[in-house]
Amino acid sequence: MEWAALLLLPLCALLYLLGRWLLGLDGDLTLLWAEWRGKRPENELPDKVVWVTGASSGIGEELAYQLAKIGALIVLSARRENELERVKQKCLEISNLSSKDILILPLDLTDRSSHEAATKTVLQHFGRIDVLVNNGGRSQRSLFVDTKVEVYAAIMELNYLGTVSLTKRVLNHMVQREKGKIVTMSSVMGIMGAPLATGYCASKHALQGFFNSLRPELGEYPEIVITTICPGPVQSKIIHNVFTEDLSKSLENTGDQSHKMPTDRCVRLTLVSMVNDLKEAWISDHPYLAVCYLWQYAPTWAWWLMNKMGKIRIQNFKSGVDADISYSQKKKA
């Protein structure tokens, strides 16, 4: 019995350390292995032409900065040209790029008739597109029973159809070259579901289904890689421009965002996913990362946990704090 007790103590200690390690993860195991042992963005992305949509703020803005430091050639797209100018100026300040290495290309994803001309503009300027990062989109904060159907149409038009349309134009070029990467910012909400985001979740599920179906269609082009990124809550400005129950209404209280994953960490893992040709990457702190695994391997438990988390999200939303803040974080606040 004494020997059994002596063996049990180190086993318990090992399990404890393993549990602490797992709780500290901020990405899926394949992604973190690639970060540790895989290709590095600094070696793979210099002189690559990377087109980033939604580049005027949040994840897209941080992508521009990290790509600039690495030495990639960048196309910055969003609706607000003045914000793109601001992002370009900072890119020039923090890198060795020249002005001609960064193309500002204002783009409205919902204006699908403009996407072919936009693609031609990029090709005229740089001669090729190595990577398209589909980052443009908006989130949602509203209950379904309060939300007009027009809001759902607008969400799908922007997040889904706009992305599909631009992808089609760029993919034609990549097929001609027989190489390229299409990286799409989905969400953990494209894997699971959550209250207050029924339309947003639907658009991200649509993107997951579309790109998972497109990937095998490109089997004869092994150097065209489709990567889907699924971030959890991130300290971006996406919450400031969410859809609400009415197209004319904005979110009154965005709440504190400091408890979410830092944007630079999310972007770093996105670049790691990109250069290592990962098909899908989960980038999130817990509990959302844990729920992703549960959704894959133990969906009944995932439903139970999401019901618990969903109640907290709705309570937070109605009380005016950020919907994603957890019970323990709310107590600290």
Protein backbone atom coordinates (compact mmCIF):
# COMPACT_ATOMS: atom_id res chain seq x y z
CA MET A 1 0.00 0.00 0.00
CA GLU A 2 2.87 2.37 0.79
CA TRP A 3 4.37 1.75 -2.65
CA ALA A 4 0.97 2.43 -4.25
CA ALA A 5 0.68 5.70 -2.35
CA LEU A 6 4.17 6.71 -3.41
CA LEU A 7 3.32 6.02 -7.04
CA LEU A 8 0.00 7.83 -6.78
CA LEU A 9 1.54 11.10 -5.60
CA PRO A 10 3.70 11.76 -8.69
CA LEU A 11 0.82 10.62 -10.92
CA CYS A 12 -1.50 13.16 -9.28
CA ALA A 13 1.17 15.83 -9.61
CA LEU A 14 1.61 14.99 -13.29
CA LEU A 15 -2.14 15.16 -13.90
CA TYR A 16 -2.30 18.48 -12.06
CA LEU A 17 0.50 19.95 -14.20
CA LEU A 18 -1.09 18.57 -17.36
CA GLY A 19 -4.41 20.16 -16.40
CA ARG A 20 -2.76 23.53 -15.72
CA TRP A 21 -0.96 23.31 -19.07
CA LEU A 22 -4.16 22.49 -20.96
CA LEU A 23 -6.00 25.36 -19.25
CA GLY A 24 -3.26 27.71 -20.42
CA LEU A 25 -3.58 26.82 -24.11
CA ASP A 26 -4.83 29.48 -26.52
CA GLY A 27 -5.01 27.39 -29.68
CA ASP A 28 -5.72 23.89 -30.86
CA LEU A 29 -2.93 21.34 -30.48
CA THR A 30 -2.08 21.14 -34.19
CA LEU A 31 -1.69 24.91 -34.36
CA LEU A 32 0.48 25.11 -31.24
CA TRP A 33 2.66 22.29 -32.54
CA ALA A 34 3.09 24.26 -35.79
CA GLU A 35 4.04 27.35 -33.79
CA TRP A 36 6.68 25.34 -31.92
CA ARG A 37 8.11 23.13 -34.66
CA GLY A 38 6.70 24.41 -37.94
CA LYS A 39 7.53 27.08 -40.50
CA ARG A 40 7.95 30.67 -39.31
CA PRO A 41 6.13 33.61 -40.91
CA GLU A 42 9.40 35.60 -40.92
CA ASN A 43 10.90 33.03 -43.30
CA GLU A 44 7.89 32.43 -45.53
CA LEU A 45 6.14 35.78 -46.07
CA PRO A 46 8.77 38.36 -47.12
CA ASP A 47 7.96 39.68 -50.63
CA LYS A 48 4.65 37.75 -50.71
CA VAL A 49 1.64 39.76 -51.92
CA VAL A 50 -1.00 39.57 -49.20
CA TRP A 51 -4.43 41.14 -49.70
CA VAL A 52 -6.21 41.86 -46.40
CA THR A 53 -9.86 42.88 -46.28
CA GLY A 54 -11.27 44.59 -43.20
CA ALA A 55 -7.83 46.17 -42.78
CA SER A 56 -8.92 49.47 -41.23
CA SER A 57 -9.28 48.18 -37.65
CA GLY A 58 -9.05 45.22 -35.29
CA ILE A 59 -7.54 41.96 -36.53
CA GLY A 60 -7.11 43.28 -40.08
CA GLU A 61 -5.19 46.33 -38.87
CA GLU A 62 -2.90 44.20 -36.69
CA LEU A 63 -2.37 41.81 -39.62
CA ALA A 64 -1.15 44.76 -41.67
CA TYR A 65 1.37 45.76 -38.99
CA GLN A 66 2.79 42.28 -38.49
CA LEU A 67 2.96 41.64 -42.23
CA ALA A 68 4.75 44.96 -42.73
CA LYS A 69 7.38 44.12 -40.11
CA ILE A 70 7.95 40.76 -41.82
CA GLY A 71 8.40 42.43 -45.21
CA ALA A 72 5.30 41.26 -47.07
CA LEU A 73 3.80 43.36 -49.87
CA ILE A 74 0.36 44.39 -48.67
CA VAL A 75 -2.99 45.33 -50.15
CA LEU A 76 -5.20 47.10 -47.60
CA SER A 77 -8.95 47.02 -48.22
CA ALA A 78 -11.94 48.33 -46.30
CA ARG A 79 -14.63 50.93 -46.87
CA ARG A 80 -12.97 53.81 -44.97
CA GLU A 81 -10.10 55.11 -47.10
CA ASN A 82 -8.95 57.60 -44.47
CA GLU A 83 -8.48 54.78 -41.95
CA LEU A 84 -6.57 52.75 -44.52
CA GLU A 85 -4.26 55.74 -45.02
CA ARG A 86 -3.64 55.82 -41.27
CA VAL A 87 -2.83 52.10 -41.21
CA LYS A 88 -0.51 52.44 -44.21
CA GLN A 89 1.37 55.31 -42.60
CA LYS A 90 2.02 53.29 -39.46
CA CYS A 91 3.10 50.29 -41.56
CA LEU A 92 5.70 52.50 -43.23
CA GLU A 93 6.90 53.81 -39.87
CA ILE A 94 7.47 50.37 -38.34
CA SER A 95 8.96 48.60 -41.37
CA ASN A 96 11.41 48.92 -44.24
CA LEU A 97 8.63 48.96 -46.83
CA SER A 98 8.26 51.81 -49.29
CA SER A 99 5.00 53.46 -50.25
CA LYS A 100 4.69 51.40 -53.44
CA ASP A 101 4.87 48.20 -51.38
CA ILE A 102 1.51 48.96 -49.77
CA LEU A 103 -1.55 49.42 -51.97
CA ILE A 104 -4.64 51.09 -50.56
CA LEU A 105 -7.72 49.68 -52.26
CA PRO A 106 -11.08 50.85 -50.85
CA LEU A 107 -13.59 48.02 -51.09
CA ASP A 108 -17.17 47.37 -50.10
CA LEU A 109 -17.71 43.62 -49.80
CA THR A 110 -21.45 44.07 -50.34
CA ASP A 111 -20.82 45.71 -53.74
CA ARG A 112 -20.12 42.43 -55.50
CA SER A 113 -20.05 44.06 -58.93
CA SER A 114 -16.82 45.86 -57.92
CA HIS A 115 -14.83 42.77 -56.93
CA GLU A 116 -13.56 41.86 -60.41
CA ALA A 117 -12.23 45.36 -61.00
CA ALA A 118 -10.62 45.42 -57.55
CA THR A 119 -8.83 42.15 -58.28
CA LYS A 120 -7.55 43.52 -61.59
CA THR A 121 -6.24 46.60 -59.77
CA VAL A 122 -4.18 44.43 -57.42
CA LEU A 123 -2.80 42.39 -60.31
CA GLN A 124 -1.91 45.53 -62.25
CA HIS A 125 -0.02 46.89 -59.24
CA PHE A 126 1.79 43.77 -57.99
CA GLY A 127 1.41 41.27 -60.84
CA ARG A 128 0.15 38.49 -58.58
CA ILE A 129 -1.79 37.67 -55.40
CA ASP A 130 -0.06 35.14 -53.15
CA VAL A 131 -2.47 35.29 -50.22
CA LEU A 132 -6.03 36.54 -49.81
CA VAL A 133 -7.09 37.12 -46.21
CA ASN A 134 -10.89 37.30 -46.02
CA ASN A 135 -11.15 39.31 -42.81
CA GLY A 136 -13.98 41.75 -43.54
CA GLY A 137 -17.25 41.29 -41.68
CA ARG A 138 -19.42 42.35 -38.75
CA SER A 139 -20.64 40.58 -35.64
CA GLN A 140 -24.06 40.77 -33.95
CA ARG A 141 -25.56 41.49 -30.55
CA SER A 142 -29.32 41.01 -30.47
CA LEU A 143 -31.92 38.44 -29.54
CA PHE A 144 -33.67 36.73 -32.43
CA VAL A 145 -37.17 37.62 -31.19
CA ASP A 146 -36.25 41.32 -31.32
CA THR A 147 -34.33 41.30 -34.62
CA LYS A 148 -35.72 42.27 -38.02
CA VAL A 149 -35.26 39.86 -40.91
CA GLU A 150 -33.51 42.61 -42.87
CA VAL A 151 -30.64 42.37 -40.39
CA TYR A 152 -30.13 38.70 -41.25
CA ALA A 153 -30.08 39.52 -44.96
CA ALA A 154 -27.44 42.21 -44.37
CA ILE A 155 -25.28 39.87 -42.27
CA MET A 156 -25.31 37.14 -44.92
CA GLU A 157 -24.68 39.63 -47.72
CA LEU A 158 -21.58 41.00 -45.98
CA ASN A 159 -20.08 38.08 -44.07
CA TYR A 160 -20.91 35.27 -46.47
CA LEU A 161 -21.78 36.38 -50.01
CA GLY A 162 -19.22 39.22 -50.03
CA THR A 163 -16.48 36.80 -49.01
CA VAL A 164 -17.57 34.17 -51.55
CA SER A 165 -17.68 36.77 -54.33
CA LEU A 166 -14.18 38.13 -53.70
CA THR A 167 -12.80 34.61 -53.25
CA LYS A 168 -14.18 33.64 -56.66
CA ARG A 169 -12.40 36.53 -58.39
CA VAL A 170 -9.07 35.89 -56.68
CA LEU A 171 -9.29 32.11 -57.03
CA ASN A 172 -9.53 32.43 -60.82
CA HIS A 173 -6.08 34.04 -60.75
CA MET A 174 -4.67 31.44 -58.37
CA VAL A 175 -5.95 28.58 -60.54
CA GLN A 176 -4.12 30.10 -63.52
CA ARG A 177 -0.91 30.22 -61.45
CA GLU A 178 -1.72 26.87 -59.79
CA LYS A 179 -0.69 28.29 -56.43
CA GLY A 180 -1.90 30.61 -53.68
CA LYS A 181 -3.45 30.74 -50.25
CA ILE A 182 -6.96 31.77 -49.24
CA VAL A 183 -7.23 32.47 -45.51
CA THR A 184 -10.69 33.19 -44.12
CA MET A 185 -11.45 34.57 -40.69
CA SER A 186 -14.39 32.52 -39.50
CA SER A 187 -15.02 32.20 -35.75
CA VAL A 188 -15.49 29.66 -33.00
CA MET A 189 -19.12 30.62 -33.61
CA GLY A 190 -18.76 28.83 -36.93
CA ILE A 191 -18.22 25.63 -34.94
CA MET A 192 -20.73 26.09 -32.14
CA GLY A 193 -23.76 28.30 -31.59
CA ALA A 194 -24.40 31.10 -29.11
CA PRO A 195 -27.28 33.38 -28.15
CA LEU A 196 -27.25 37.04 -29.24
CA ALA A 197 -25.47 36.06 -32.47
CA THR A 198 -27.91 33.88 -34.41
CA GLY A 199 -27.27 35.67 -37.71
CA TYR A 200 -23.53 35.96 -37.16
CA CYS A 201 -23.27 32.27 -36.26
CA ALA A 202 -25.28 31.38 -39.34
CA SER A 203 -22.94 33.38 -41.59
CA LYS A 204 -19.86 31.75 -40.06
CA HIS A 205 -21.38 28.25 -40.34
CA ALA A 206 -22.04 29.08 -43.99
CA LEU A 207 -18.38 30.03 -44.48
CA GLN A 208 -17.24 26.83 -42.79
CA GLY A 209 -19.45 24.74 -45.06
CA PHE A 210 -18.45 26.64 -48.18
CA PHE A 211 -14.69 26.42 -47.68
CA ASN A 212 -14.82 22.82 -46.43
CA SER A 213 -16.58 21.99 -49.69
CA LEU A 214 -14.33 24.13 -51.87
CA ARG A 215 -11.13 22.56 -50.50
CA PRO A 216 -11.65 19.11 -52.09
CA GLU A 217 -12.79 20.74 -55.35
CA LEU A 218 -9.24 22.10 -55.60
CA GLY A 219 -7.62 18.70 -55.16
CA GLU A 220 -5.86 18.91 -58.53
CA TYR A 221 -4.14 22.11 -57.38
CA PRO A 222 -2.11 20.98 -54.35
CA GLU A 223 -0.40 24.38 -54.03
CA ILE A 224 -3.70 26.23 -53.58
CA VAL A 225 -4.37 26.10 -49.86
CA ILE A 226 -7.65 26.91 -48.10
CA THR A 227 -7.23 27.87 -44.42
CA THR A 228 -10.10 28.70 -42.08
CA ILE A 229 -9.29 30.60 -38.88
CA CYS A 230 -11.71 30.31 -35.94
CA PRO A 231 -10.91 32.95 -33.31
CA GLY A 232 -12.73 33.25 -30.02
CA PRO A 233 -13.29 36.62 -28.30
CA VAL A 234 -10.47 39.01 -29.27
CA GLN A 235 -9.64 42.57 -28.21
CA SER A 236 -10.61 43.99 -31.60
CA LYS A 237 -13.04 46.77 -32.46
CA ILE A 238 -15.57 44.37 -33.97
CA ILE A 239 -17.89 44.92 -31.01
CA HIS A 240 -18.11 48.66 -31.83
CA ASN A 241 -19.70 48.00 -35.22
CA VAL A 242 -21.98 45.03 -34.58
CA PHE A 243 -25.40 44.46 -36.09
CA THR A 244 -28.23 44.93 -33.60
CA GLU A 245 -31.95 44.25 -33.86
CA ASP A 246 -32.39 47.10 -36.37
CA LEU A 247 -30.10 48.17 -39.22
CA SER A 248 -30.35 51.80 -38.10
CA LYS A 249 -29.38 51.09 -34.50
CA SER A 250 -25.88 50.73 -33.02
CA LEU A 251 -24.85 49.00 -29.80
CA GLU A 252 -25.11 51.47 -26.94
CA ASN A 253 -22.77 49.80 -24.45
CA THR A 254 -19.79 47.81 -25.75
CA GLY A 255 -18.43 46.95 -22.30
CA ASP A 256 -14.86 46.25 -21.20
CA GLN A 257 -12.83 44.20 -23.71
CA SER A 258 -9.65 43.70 -21.67
CA HIS A 259 -10.53 40.11 -20.66
CA LYS A 260 -10.34 38.92 -24.27
CA MET A 261 -7.34 37.55 -26.18
CA PRO A 262 -4.89 40.28 -27.24
CA THR A 263 -5.19 41.05 -30.94
CA ASP A 264 -1.47 40.65 -31.61
CA ARG A 265 -1.53 37.09 -30.25
CA CYS A 266 -4.50 36.16 -32.43
CA VAL A 267 -2.77 37.57 -35.49
CA ARG A 268 0.52 35.81 -34.74
CA LEU A 269 -1.26 32.45 -34.57
CA THR A 270 -3.14 33.33 -37.77
CA LEU A 271 0.15 33.88 -39.58
CA VAL A 272 1.52 30.61 -38.20
CA SER A 273 -1.58 28.83 -39.52
CA MET A 274 -1.15 30.53 -42.89
CA VAL A 275 2.47 29.57 -43.51
CA ASN A 276 2.02 26.01 -42.23
CA ASP A 277 -0.97 25.38 -44.54
CA LEU A 278 -3.33 24.38 -41.74
CA LYS A 279 -6.81 23.61 -43.00
CA GLU A 280 -8.51 24.93 -39.86
CA ALA A 281 -7.20 26.60 -36.72
CA TRP A 282 -8.92 27.35 -33.42
CA ILE A 283 -7.53 30.46 -31.71
CA SER A 284 -9.13 31.14 -28.35
CA ASP A 285 -8.72 31.17 -24.62
CA HIS A 286 -10.93 28.99 -22.45
CA PRO A 287 -13.81 28.32 -22.05
CA TYR A 288 -14.44 28.69 -25.81
CA LEU A 289 -11.46 26.55 -26.79
CA ALA A 290 -12.66 23.76 -24.52
CA VAL A 291 -16.16 24.03 -25.97
CA CYS A 292 -14.73 23.58 -29.49
CA TYR A 293 -13.23 20.26 -28.44
CA LEU A 294 -16.41 19.24 -26.67
CA TRP A 295 -18.44 20.13 -29.75
CA GLN A 296 -16.29 17.78 -31.80
CA TYR A 297 -15.99 14.84 -29.40
CA ALA A 298 -18.75 15.16 -26.78
CA PRO A 299 -21.61 17.22 -28.26
CA THR A 300 -24.09 16.36 -25.49
CA TRP A 301 -21.74 17.87 -22.91
CA ALA A 302 -21.15 20.82 -25.22
CA TRP A 303 -24.88 21.54 -25.40
CA TRP A 304 -25.12 21.41 -21.61
CA LEU A 305 -22.17 23.77 -21.18
CA MET A 306 -23.35 26.15 -23.89
CA ASN A 307 -26.77 26.40 -22.23
CA LYS A 308 -25.01 27.47 -19.03
CA MET A 309 -22.76 29.93 -20.87
CA GLY A 310 -25.67 31.18 -22.95
CA LYS A 311 -27.63 32.24 -19.88
CA ILE A 312 -24.63 34.23 -18.68
CA ARG A 313 -24.23 35.90 -22.10
CA ILE A 314 -27.86 37.01 -22.12
CA GLN A 315 -27.67 38.25 -18.52
CA ASN A 316 -24.51 40.20 -19.32
CA PHE A 317 -26.09 41.72 -22.43
CA LYS A 318 -29.20 42.83 -20.57
CA SER A 319 -27.16 44.29 -17.70
CA GLY A 320 -24.94 46.32 -20.02
CA VAL A 321 -21.61 44.46 -19.72
CA ASP A 322 -19.76 42.59 -22.45
CA ALA A 323 -21.64 39.43 -23.39
CA ASP A 324 -18.46 37.32 -23.45
CA ILE A 325 -17.28 38.12 -19.94
CA SER A 326 -17.39 35.06 -17.70
CA TYR A 327 -18.90 34.78 -14.24
CA SER A 328 -15.47 34.69 -12.57
CA GLN A 329 -14.27 37.70 -14.60
CA LYS A 330 -17.42 39.62 -13.68
CA LYS A 331 -16.76 38.98 -10.00
CA LYS A 332 -13.19 40.33 -10.37
CA ALA A 333 -14.55 43.38 -12.17
